[in-house]
Amino acid sequence: MVLPKSPKSNQCPYPRNELRTYLKPFVDVLNEGDVGCIPLNGYEPKWLAQAVATYAGQIWGPGTYTTCTTEEDVQILRFVPEQEPVSTQEVLI
């Protein structure tokens, strides 16, 4: 018995790269310590926030940003993750 595929509720309703094209100008200008606000501009907050997080992770790496979604925008804070100090012994060995 073959069951019909159910529609994917987690499939992005926007064309490929549309969200990335929209958010890039807001994210690409951020330096360490900056906060950026990407207006929703009619996009669903869930999908825009996901696109922002995906893009930020790809260009800056994991653990270098955090996001927050409001009724008006998606906010992103870019930061430098703390690194554990390296002891002198570890360097010499």
Protein backbone atom coordinates (compact mmCIF):
# COMPACT_ATOMS: atom_id res chain seq x y z
CA MET A 1 0.00 0.00 0.00
CA VAL A 2 1.41 3.41 -0.99
CA LEU A 3 0.35 6.40 1.04
CA PRO A 4 0.08 9.81 -0.63
CA LYS A 5 2.64 12.34 0.44
CA SER A 6 1.32 14.90 2.86
CA PRO A 7 2.04 18.55 2.06
CA LYS A 8 5.11 19.86 3.83
CA SER A 9 4.16 22.46 6.38
CA ASN A 10 7.82 23.33 6.92
CA GLN A 11 8.53 24.17 3.29
CA CYS A 12 9.39 27.81 2.71
CA PRO A 13 6.65 29.54 0.70
CA TYR A 14 9.08 32.00 -0.95
CA PRO A 15 11.08 31.42 -4.13
CA ARG A 16 14.64 30.18 -3.68
CA ASN A 17 17.07 32.97 -2.65
CA GLU A 18 14.33 35.62 -2.37
CA LEU A 19 14.79 36.03 1.38
CA ARG A 20 18.59 35.92 1.12
CA THR A 21 18.57 38.62 -1.54
CA TYR A 22 16.38 40.77 0.70
CA LEU A 23 18.36 40.34 3.94
CA LYS A 24 21.94 40.50 2.60
CA PRO A 25 22.22 44.33 2.52
CA PHE A 26 21.19 44.46 6.18
CA VAL A 27 23.51 41.68 7.37
CA ASP A 28 26.61 42.20 5.22
CA VAL A 29 27.36 45.61 6.78
CA LEU A 30 27.44 44.36 10.37
CA ASN A 31 30.71 44.36 12.27
CA GLU A 32 31.45 42.63 15.55
CA GLY A 33 29.29 44.20 18.27
CA ASP A 34 26.72 45.61 15.83
CA VAL A 35 22.98 45.02 15.98
CA GLY A 36 21.05 44.92 12.74
CA CYS A 37 17.30 45.19 12.21
CA ILE A 38 15.79 43.55 9.15
CA PRO A 39 12.20 44.81 8.63
CA LEU A 40 9.66 42.05 7.99
CA ASN A 41 8.40 43.94 4.93
CA GLY A 42 5.52 41.50 4.47
CA TYR A 43 7.57 38.34 5.02
CA GLU A 44 6.52 35.84 7.64
CA PRO A 45 8.72 36.27 10.73
CA LYS A 46 9.44 32.54 10.99
CA TRP A 47 10.90 32.31 7.50
CA LEU A 48 12.83 35.58 7.59
CA ALA A 49 14.38 34.72 10.98
CA GLN A 50 15.38 31.30 9.69
CA ALA A 51 16.94 32.82 6.57
CA VAL A 52 18.85 35.39 8.66
CA ALA A 53 20.22 32.68 10.98
CA THR A 54 21.20 30.42 8.09
CA TYR A 55 22.99 33.20 6.24
CA ALA A 56 24.77 34.52 9.35
CA GLY A 57 25.94 31.04 10.24
CA GLN A 58 27.33 30.53 6.76
CA ILE A 59 29.27 33.80 6.57
CA TRP A 60 30.38 34.23 10.20
CA GLY A 61 30.25 30.69 11.56
CA PRO A 62 28.32 29.15 14.41
CA GLY A 63 28.22 30.88 17.78
CA THR A 64 28.95 34.36 16.40
CA TYR A 65 25.46 35.85 16.39
CA THR A 66 22.05 35.72 18.02
CA THR A 67 18.67 36.71 16.65
CA CYS A 68 15.40 38.01 18.03
CA THR A 69 12.08 38.36 16.23
CA THR A 70 9.68 41.20 17.01
CA GLU A 71 6.37 42.22 15.45
CA GLU A 72 8.22 44.59 13.12
CA ASP A 73 11.58 43.03 12.34
CA VAL A 74 14.22 40.38 12.89
CA GLN A 75 17.12 41.67 14.95
CA ILE A 76 20.58 40.18 14.82
CA LEU A 77 23.52 40.80 17.13
CA ARG A 78 26.95 39.90 15.82
CA PHE A 79 29.57 39.11 18.45
CA VAL A 80 32.88 37.38 18.94
CA PRO A 81 32.55 34.17 20.93
CA GLU A 82 34.74 33.96 24.00
CA GLN A 83 37.73 31.73 23.58
CA GLU A 84 39.25 29.79 26.39
CA PRO A 85 42.71 31.06 27.24
CA VAL A 86 45.50 28.82 26.07
CA SER A 87 48.04 27.97 28.70
CA THR A 88 51.74 28.40 27.95
CA GLN A 89 52.32 24.70 28.53
CA GLU A 90 49.82 23.75 25.85
CA VAL A 91 51.56 26.01 23.35
CA LEU A 92 55.01 24.60 24.08
CA ILE A 93 54.00 20.96 23.84
